[in-house]
């Protein structure tokens, strides 16, 4: 189950639990308000903790992506340089073959 669904189910469960608690628990108004505050605080703490974890995961993923892009960039640059050098070698070799000074050699 992905994280978005877990959070959604948690919040849904929290709401259902609070509603059931209000309807079924024979508590005074003050006790009910304290229960509501407690559950709201639990939900807020959970969301803060999960948002921090998700932020850390996103940062890690971003760093891995940057590293992968840099690696690909370096490989592409090396391939381009090798291609340029091969072209220069080929052109240089042809110039030697067509040079009249080297014709008798």
C-alpha atoms as a PDB file:
ATOM      1  CA  UNK A   1       0.000   0.000   0.000  1.00  0.00           C
ATOM      2  CA  UNK A   2       1.514   3.343  -0.919  1.00  0.00           C
ATOM      3  CA  UNK A   3       2.069   6.116   1.588  1.00  0.00           C
ATOM      4  CA  UNK A   4      -0.739   8.395   0.317  1.00  0.00           C
ATOM      5  CA  UNK A   5      -3.306   5.671   0.881  1.00  0.00           C
ATOM      6  CA  UNK A   6      -1.914   4.938   4.339  1.00  0.00           C
ATOM      7  CA  UNK A   7      -2.274   8.582   5.328  1.00  0.00           C
ATOM      8  CA  UNK A   8      -5.784   8.764   3.867  1.00  0.00           C
ATOM      9  CA  UNK A   9      -6.842   5.618   5.720  1.00  0.00           C
ATOM     10  CA  UNK A  10      -5.287   6.916   8.924  1.00  0.00           C
ATOM     11  CA  UNK A  11      -7.224  10.179   8.698  1.00  0.00           C
ATOM     12  CA  UNK A  12     -10.443   8.354   7.810  1.00  0.00           C
ATOM     13  CA  UNK A  13      -9.953   6.009  10.755  1.00  0.00           C
ATOM     14  CA  UNK A  14      -9.235   8.946  13.022  1.00  0.00           C
ATOM     15  CA  UNK A  15     -12.472  10.643  11.978  1.00  0.00           C
ATOM     16  CA  UNK A  16     -14.550   7.481  12.347  1.00  0.00           C
ATOM     17  CA  UNK A  17     -12.997   6.780  15.729  1.00  0.00           C
ATOM     18  CA  UNK A  18     -13.728  10.262  17.009  1.00  0.00           C
ATOM     19  CA  UNK A  19     -17.309  10.137  15.742  1.00  0.00           C
ATOM     20  CA  UNK A  20     -17.884   6.715  17.300  1.00  0.00           C
ATOM     21  CA  UNK A  21     -16.339   7.897  20.535  1.00  0.00           C
ATOM     22  CA  UNK A  22     -18.633  10.889  20.689  1.00  0.00           C
ATOM     23  CA  UNK A  23     -21.737   8.846  19.972  1.00  0.00           C
ATOM     24  CA  UNK A  24     -21.031   5.827  22.144  1.00  0.00           C
ATOM     25  CA  UNK A  25     -18.998   7.028  25.119  1.00  0.00           C
ATOM     26  CA  UNK A  26     -20.959   8.185  28.150  1.00  0.00           C
ATOM     27  CA  UNK A  27     -18.514  10.938  29.048  1.00  0.00           C
ATOM     28  CA  UNK A  28     -18.986  14.497  30.183  1.00  0.00           C
ATOM     29  CA  UNK A  29     -18.491  17.406  27.810  1.00  0.00           C
ATOM     30  CA  UNK A  30     -15.106  18.249  29.330  1.00  0.00           C
ATOM     31  CA  UNK A  31     -13.878  14.664  28.978  1.00  0.00           C
ATOM     32  CA  UNK A  32     -15.084  14.568  25.387  1.00  0.00           C
ATOM     33  CA  UNK A  33     -13.298  17.836  24.568  1.00  0.00           C
ATOM     34  CA  UNK A  34     -10.084  16.495  26.118  1.00  0.00           C
ATOM     35  CA  UNK A  35     -10.415  13.319  24.065  1.00  0.00           C
ATOM     36  CA  UNK A  36     -10.944  15.365  20.901  1.00  0.00           C
ATOM     37  CA  UNK A  37      -7.896  17.514  21.691  1.00  0.00           C
ATOM     38  CA  UNK A  38      -5.811  14.434  22.379  1.00  0.00           C
ATOM     39  CA  UNK A  39      -6.813  12.726  19.127  1.00  0.00           C
ATOM     40  CA  UNK A  40      -6.303  15.920  17.135  1.00  0.00           C
ATOM     41  CA  UNK A  41      -2.841  16.305  18.658  1.00  0.00           C
ATOM     42  CA  UNK A  42      -2.013  12.682  17.817  1.00  0.00           C
ATOM     43  CA  UNK A  43      -3.105  13.236  14.224  1.00  0.00           C
ATOM     44  CA  UNK A  44      -1.116  16.456  13.950  1.00  0.00           C
ATOM     45  CA  UNK A  45       1.990  14.797  15.414  1.00  0.00           C
ATOM     46  CA  UNK A  46       1.668  11.906  12.977  1.00  0.00           C
ATOM     47  CA  UNK A  47       1.322  14.260  10.014  1.00  0.00           C
ATOM     48  CA  UNK A  48       4.313  16.335  11.130  1.00  0.00           C
ATOM     49  CA  UNK A  49       6.442  13.227  11.551  1.00  0.00           C
ATOM     50  CA  UNK A  50       5.392  11.780   8.182  1.00  0.00           C
ATOM     51  CA  UNK A  51       5.919  15.085   6.376  1.00  0.00           C
ATOM     52  CA  UNK A  52       9.444  15.261   7.808  1.00  0.00           C
ATOM     53  CA  UNK A  53      10.143  11.696   6.704  1.00  0.00           C
ATOM     54  CA  UNK A  54       8.788  12.394   3.223  1.00  0.00           C
ATOM     55  CA  UNK A  55      10.888  15.548   3.000  1.00  0.00           C
ATOM     56  CA  UNK A  56      14.009  13.555   3.886  1.00  0.00           C
ATOM     57  CA  UNK A  57      13.143  10.863   1.348  1.00  0.00           C
ATOM     58  CA  UNK A  58      12.569  13.486  -1.343  1.00  0.00           C
ATOM     59  CA  UNK A  59      15.943  15.069  -0.547  1.00  0.00           C
ATOM     60  CA  UNK A  60      17.680  11.698  -0.806  1.00  0.00           C
ATOM     61  CA  UNK A  61      15.952  10.972  -4.098  1.00  0.00           C
ATOM     62  CA  UNK A  62      16.940  14.381  -5.438  1.00  0.00           C
ATOM     63  CA  UNK A  63      20.583  13.812  -4.522  1.00  0.00           C
ATOM     64  CA  UNK A  64      20.595  10.390  -6.173  1.00  0.00           C
ATOM     65  CA  UNK A  65      19.051  11.934  -9.278  1.00  0.00           C
ATOM     66  CA  UNK A  66      21.662  14.683  -9.395  1.00  0.00           C
ATOM     67  CA  UNK A  67      24.433  12.105  -9.045  1.00  0.00           C
ATOM     68  CA  UNK A  68      22.993   9.972 -11.845  1.00  0.00           C
ATOM     69  CA  UNK A  69      22.625  12.992 -14.143  1.00  0.00           C
ATOM     70  CA  UNK A  70      26.211  14.078 -13.458  1.00  0.00           C
ATOM     71  CA  UNK A  71      27.473  10.562 -14.150  1.00  0.00           C
ATOM     72  CA  UNK A  72      25.608  10.437 -17.470  1.00  0.00           C
ATOM     73  CA  UNK A  73      26.863  13.908 -18.343  1.00  0.00           C
ATOM     74  CA  UNK A  74      30.467  12.836 -17.687  1.00  0.00           C
ATOM     75  CA  UNK A  75      30.059   9.685 -19.784  1.00  0.00           C
ATOM     76  CA  UNK A  76      28.518  11.646 -22.648  1.00  0.00           C
ATOM     77  CA  UNK A  77      31.291  14.230 -22.499  1.00  0.00           C
ATOM     78  CA  UNK A  78      33.932  11.487 -22.592  1.00  0.00           C
ATOM     79  CA  UNK A  79      32.213   9.843 -25.569  1.00  0.00           C
ATOM     80  CA  UNK A  80      32.063  13.163 -27.432  1.00  0.00           C
ATOM     81  CA  UNK A  81      35.743  13.816 -26.732  1.00  0.00           C
ATOM     82  CA  UNK A  82      36.639  10.318 -27.960  1.00  0.00           C
ATOM     83  CA  UNK A  83      34.596  10.900 -31.108  1.00  0.00           C
ATOM     84  CA  UNK A  84      36.315  14.218 -31.760  1.00  0.00           C
ATOM     85  CA  UNK A  85      39.725  12.627 -31.290  1.00  0.00           C
ATOM     86  CA  UNK A  86      38.851   9.759 -33.633  1.00  0.00           C
ATOM     87  CA  UNK A  87      37.695  12.289 -36.231  1.00  0.00           C
ATOM     88  CA  UNK A  88      40.919  14.273 -35.868  1.00  0.00           C
ATOM     89  CA  UNK A  89      42.991  11.092 -36.203  1.00  0.00           C
ATOM     90  CA  UNK A  90      41.071  10.067 -39.310  1.00  0.00           C
ATOM     91  CA  UNK A  91      41.355  13.507 -40.927  1.00  0.00           C
ATOM     92  CA  UNK A  92      45.029  13.682 -39.997  1.00  0.00           C
ATOM     93  CA  UNK A  93      45.626  10.238 -41.535  1.00  0.00           C
ATOM     94  CA  UNK A  94      43.923  11.248 -44.773  1.00  0.00           C
ATOM     95  CA  UNK A  95      45.924  14.455 -44.950  1.00  0.00           C
ATOM     96  CA  UNK A  96      49.134  12.433 -44.695  1.00  0.00           C
ATOM     97  CA  UNK A  97      47.988  10.155 -47.524  1.00  0.00           C
ATOM     98  CA  UNK A  98      47.184  13.052 -49.876  1.00  0.00           C
ATOM     99  CA  UNK A  99      50.251  15.125 -49.017  1.00  0.00           C
ATOM    100  CA  UNK A 100      52.546  15.165 -52.092  1.00  0.00           C
ATOM    101  CA  UNK A 101      55.608  15.282 -49.850  1.00  0.00           C
ATOM    102  CA  UNK A 102      54.615  11.881 -48.398  1.00  0.00           C
ATOM    103  CA  UNK A 103      53.643  10.360 -51.767  1.00  0.00           C
ATOM    104  CA  UNK A 104      57.033   8.778 -52.380  1.00  0.00           C
ATOM    105  CA  UNK A 105      57.374   7.405 -48.880  1.00  0.00           C
END
